[in-house]
Amino acid sequence: MAIGYKGMAKVNIVKLHNTRRDFESLQIKDTNDIDYFMNRLMIVVNKLKIYGEYVKNQRVVENVLRPFSTKFDVVVASIEEANDLETLTVDDLMGSLLSHEARIERNKDSTLETIFKNQVSI
């Protein structure tokens, strides 16, 4: 029984290392939306907790802000300047990012409408 426990402990250590790697390497792609990215992130954070690693909220927030593309540079900078990253919750951060994403989509839709109207009137 003790040998089986040692084997399981080693398996859990390997799983923890792999999950840490997943946490550090999470990237948001232009095809992903914020909801999708945040869901993936929370799955990885929950796996870390299952394997016995406590992840500070600040570390999760910093990890969320790191991988965004240049279209989010302004909002990331404003979030970092306006908030104390030690006290900013993941939910508050997600709300800020989702509202910015909605603005980008709204502007994209109005730009496409303008282009379409200009082509139709030609």
C-alpha atoms as a PDB file:
ATOM      1  CA  MET A   1       0.000   0.000   0.000  1.00  0.00           C
ATOM      2  CA  ALA A   2       2.860   2.397   0.821  1.00  0.00           C
ATOM      3  CA  ILE A   3       4.460   1.723  -2.577  1.00  0.00           C
ATOM      4  CA  GLY A   4       1.164   2.507  -4.301  1.00  0.00           C
ATOM      5  CA  TYR A   5       0.902   5.795  -2.367  1.00  0.00           C
ATOM      6  CA  LYS A   6       4.433   6.823  -3.397  1.00  0.00           C
ATOM      7  CA  GLY A   7       3.557   6.099  -7.008  1.00  0.00           C
ATOM      8  CA  MET A   8       0.395   8.188  -6.772  1.00  0.00           C
ATOM      9  CA  ALA A   9       2.337  11.011  -5.110  1.00  0.00           C
ATOM     10  CA  LYS A  10       4.816  11.014  -8.004  1.00  0.00           C
ATOM     11  CA  VAL A  11       1.985  11.050 -10.528  1.00  0.00           C
ATOM     12  CA  ASN A  12       0.407  14.008  -8.734  1.00  0.00           C
ATOM     13  CA  ILE A  13       3.734  15.878  -8.762  1.00  0.00           C
ATOM     14  CA  VAL A  14       4.049  15.348 -12.511  1.00  0.00           C
ATOM     15  CA  LYS A  15       0.446  16.487 -13.023  1.00  0.00           C
ATOM     16  CA  LEU A  16       1.139  19.564 -10.887  1.00  0.00           C
ATOM     17  CA  HIS A  17       4.222  20.444 -12.949  1.00  0.00           C
ATOM     18  CA  ASN A  18       2.289  20.017 -16.195  1.00  0.00           C
ATOM     19  CA  THR A  19      -0.566  22.151 -14.885  1.00  0.00           C
ATOM     20  CA  ARG A  20       1.879  24.876 -13.758  1.00  0.00           C
ATOM     21  CA  ARG A  21       3.307  24.866 -17.275  1.00  0.00           C
ATOM     22  CA  ASP A  22      -0.210  25.178 -18.702  1.00  0.00           C
ATOM     23  CA  PHE A  23      -0.902  28.105 -16.347  1.00  0.00           C
ATOM     24  CA  GLU A  24       2.240  29.965 -17.354  1.00  0.00           C
ATOM     25  CA  SER A  25       1.816  29.342 -21.081  1.00  0.00           C
ATOM     26  CA  LEU A  26      -1.855  30.262 -21.488  1.00  0.00           C
ATOM     27  CA  GLN A  27      -2.304  32.546 -24.470  1.00  0.00           C
ATOM     28  CA  ILE A  28      -5.302  34.307 -25.874  1.00  0.00           C
ATOM     29  CA  LYS A  29      -5.563  34.087 -29.616  1.00  0.00           C
ATOM     30  CA  ASP A  30      -7.344  36.609 -31.817  1.00  0.00           C
ATOM     31  CA  THR A  31      -9.939  33.935 -32.559  1.00  0.00           C
ATOM     32  CA  ASN A  32     -10.670  33.411 -28.843  1.00  0.00           C
ATOM     33  CA  ASP A  33     -12.984  35.630 -26.903  1.00  0.00           C
ATOM     34  CA  ILE A  34     -12.432  36.749 -23.320  1.00  0.00           C
ATOM     35  CA  ASP A  35     -15.034  34.322 -21.921  1.00  0.00           C
ATOM     36  CA  TYR A  36     -13.340  31.356 -23.576  1.00  0.00           C
ATOM     37  CA  PHE A  37      -9.896  32.409 -22.333  1.00  0.00           C
ATOM     38  CA  MET A  38     -11.103  33.064 -18.774  1.00  0.00           C
ATOM     39  CA  ASN A  39     -12.876  29.701 -18.652  1.00  0.00           C
ATOM     40  CA  ARG A  40      -9.684  27.931 -19.750  1.00  0.00           C
ATOM     41  CA  LEU A  41      -7.710  29.882 -17.153  1.00  0.00           C
ATOM     42  CA  MET A  42     -10.096  29.006 -14.316  1.00  0.00           C
ATOM     43  CA  ILE A  43     -10.001  25.318 -15.267  1.00  0.00           C
ATOM     44  CA  VAL A  44      -6.207  25.371 -14.977  1.00  0.00           C
ATOM     45  CA  VAL A  45      -6.310  27.316 -11.671  1.00  0.00           C
ATOM     46  CA  ASN A  46      -8.806  24.805 -10.253  1.00  0.00           C
ATOM     47  CA  LYS A  47      -6.556  21.922 -11.341  1.00  0.00           C
ATOM     48  CA  LEU A  48      -3.651  23.576  -9.510  1.00  0.00           C
ATOM     49  CA  LYS A  49      -5.781  23.723  -6.373  1.00  0.00           C
ATOM     50  CA  ILE A  50      -6.754  20.061  -6.763  1.00  0.00           C
ATOM     51  CA  TYR A  51      -3.065  19.122  -6.942  1.00  0.00           C
ATOM     52  CA  GLY A  52      -2.373  21.102  -3.773  1.00  0.00           C
ATOM     53  CA  GLU A  53      -0.992  24.401  -5.028  1.00  0.00           C
ATOM     54  CA  TYR A  54      -2.529  27.605  -3.758  1.00  0.00           C
ATOM     55  CA  VAL A  55      -2.465  30.337  -6.398  1.00  0.00           C
ATOM     56  CA  LYS A  56      -2.696  33.911  -5.142  1.00  0.00           C
ATOM     57  CA  ASN A  57      -5.339  36.059  -6.785  1.00  0.00           C
ATOM     58  CA  GLN A  58      -2.664  38.597  -7.769  1.00  0.00           C
ATOM     59  CA  ARG A  59      -0.726  35.923  -9.664  1.00  0.00           C
ATOM     60  CA  VAL A  60      -3.867  34.919 -11.576  1.00  0.00           C
ATOM     61  CA  VAL A  61      -4.639  38.581 -12.416  1.00  0.00           C
ATOM     62  CA  GLU A  62      -1.079  39.188 -13.619  1.00  0.00           C
ATOM     63  CA  ASN A  63      -1.204  36.015 -15.684  1.00  0.00           C
ATOM     64  CA  VAL A  64      -4.454  37.164 -17.295  1.00  0.00           C
ATOM     65  CA  LEU A  65      -3.041  40.567 -18.249  1.00  0.00           C
ATOM     66  CA  ARG A  66       0.183  39.218 -19.774  1.00  0.00           C
ATOM     67  CA  PRO A  67      -0.905  37.397 -22.952  1.00  0.00           C
ATOM     68  CA  PHE A  68      -3.288  39.881 -24.583  1.00  0.00           C
ATOM     69  CA  SER A  69      -2.741  41.118 -28.114  1.00  0.00           C
ATOM     70  CA  THR A  70      -1.976  44.740 -28.932  1.00  0.00           C
ATOM     71  CA  LYS A  71      -5.647  45.636 -29.351  1.00  0.00           C
ATOM     72  CA  PHE A  72      -5.940  45.320 -25.556  1.00  0.00           C
ATOM     73  CA  ASP A  73      -2.773  47.292 -24.699  1.00  0.00           C
ATOM     74  CA  VAL A  74      -4.712  50.405 -23.729  1.00  0.00           C
ATOM     75  CA  VAL A  75      -7.159  48.597 -21.469  1.00  0.00           C
ATOM     76  CA  VAL A  76      -4.421  46.480 -19.856  1.00  0.00           C
ATOM     77  CA  ALA A  77      -2.393  49.609 -19.122  1.00  0.00           C
ATOM     78  CA  SER A  78      -5.418  51.405 -17.692  1.00  0.00           C
ATOM     79  CA  ILE A  79      -6.333  48.410 -15.514  1.00  0.00           C
ATOM     80  CA  GLU A  80      -2.778  48.210 -14.193  1.00  0.00           C
ATOM     81  CA  GLU A  81      -2.702  51.958 -13.472  1.00  0.00           C
ATOM     82  CA  ALA A  82      -6.184  52.272 -11.971  1.00  0.00           C
ATOM     83  CA  ASN A  83      -6.175  49.183  -9.762  1.00  0.00           C
ATOM     84  CA  ASP A  84      -4.062  47.631  -7.084  1.00  0.00           C
ATOM     85  CA  LEU A  85      -3.287  44.229  -8.594  1.00  0.00           C
ATOM     86  CA  GLU A  86      -3.022  42.754  -5.090  1.00  0.00           C
ATOM     87  CA  THR A  87      -6.692  43.489  -4.397  1.00  0.00           C
ATOM     88  CA  LEU A  88      -8.177  43.303  -7.911  1.00  0.00           C
ATOM     89  CA  THR A  89     -10.361  40.216  -8.184  1.00  0.00           C
ATOM     90  CA  VAL A  90     -10.470  37.955 -11.202  1.00  0.00           C
ATOM     91  CA  ASP A  91     -14.211  38.707 -11.535  1.00  0.00           C
ATOM     92  CA  ASP A  92     -13.610  42.484 -11.616  1.00  0.00           C
ATOM     93  CA  LEU A  93     -10.835  42.022 -14.141  1.00  0.00           C
ATOM     94  CA  MET A  94     -13.040  39.815 -16.303  1.00  0.00           C
ATOM     95  CA  GLY A  95     -15.792  42.459 -16.209  1.00  0.00           C
ATOM     96  CA  SER A  96     -13.385  45.154 -17.391  1.00  0.00           C
ATOM     97  CA  LEU A  97     -12.032  42.988 -20.186  1.00  0.00           C
ATOM     98  CA  LEU A  98     -15.497  41.888 -21.331  1.00  0.00           C
ATOM     99  CA  SER A  99     -16.736  45.480 -21.483  1.00  0.00           C
ATOM    100  CA  HIS A 100     -13.685  46.467 -23.532  1.00  0.00           C
ATOM    101  CA  GLU A 101     -14.214  43.506 -25.851  1.00  0.00           C
ATOM    102  CA  ALA A 102     -17.851  44.568 -26.319  1.00  0.00           C
ATOM    103  CA  ARG A 103     -16.708  48.083 -27.271  1.00  0.00           C
ATOM    104  CA  ILE A 104     -14.251  46.663 -29.798  1.00  0.00           C
ATOM    105  CA  GLU A 105     -16.984  44.492 -31.343  1.00  0.00           C
ATOM    106  CA  ARG A 106     -19.435  47.409 -31.419  1.00  0.00           C
ATOM    107  CA  ASN A 107     -16.853  49.609 -33.165  1.00  0.00           C
ATOM    108  CA  LYS A 108     -16.011  46.798 -35.586  1.00  0.00           C
ATOM    109  CA  ASP A 109     -19.692  46.345 -36.442  1.00  0.00           C
ATOM    110  CA  SER A 110     -20.210  50.064 -37.051  1.00  0.00           C
ATOM    111  CA  THR A 111     -17.064  50.198 -39.208  1.00  0.00           C
ATOM    112  CA  LEU A 112     -18.304  47.262 -41.296  1.00  0.00           C
ATOM    113  CA  GLU A 113     -21.705  48.957 -41.647  1.00  0.00           C
ATOM    114  CA  THR A 114     -20.041  52.139 -42.887  1.00  0.00           C
ATOM    115  CA  ILE A 115     -17.938  50.221 -45.409  1.00  0.00           C
ATOM    116  CA  PHE A 116     -20.997  48.310 -46.625  1.00  0.00           C
ATOM    117  CA  LYS A 117     -23.075  51.515 -46.961  1.00  0.00           C
ATOM    118  CA  ASN A 118     -20.267  53.203 -48.888  1.00  0.00           C
ATOM    119  CA  GLN A 119     -20.004  50.254 -51.291  1.00  0.00           C
ATOM    120  CA  VAL A 120     -23.761  50.126 -51.832  1.00  0.00           C
ATOM    121  CA  SER A 121     -23.968  53.844 -52.607  1.00  0.00           C
ATOM    122  CA  ILE A 122     -21.206  53.625 -55.227  1.00  0.00           C
END
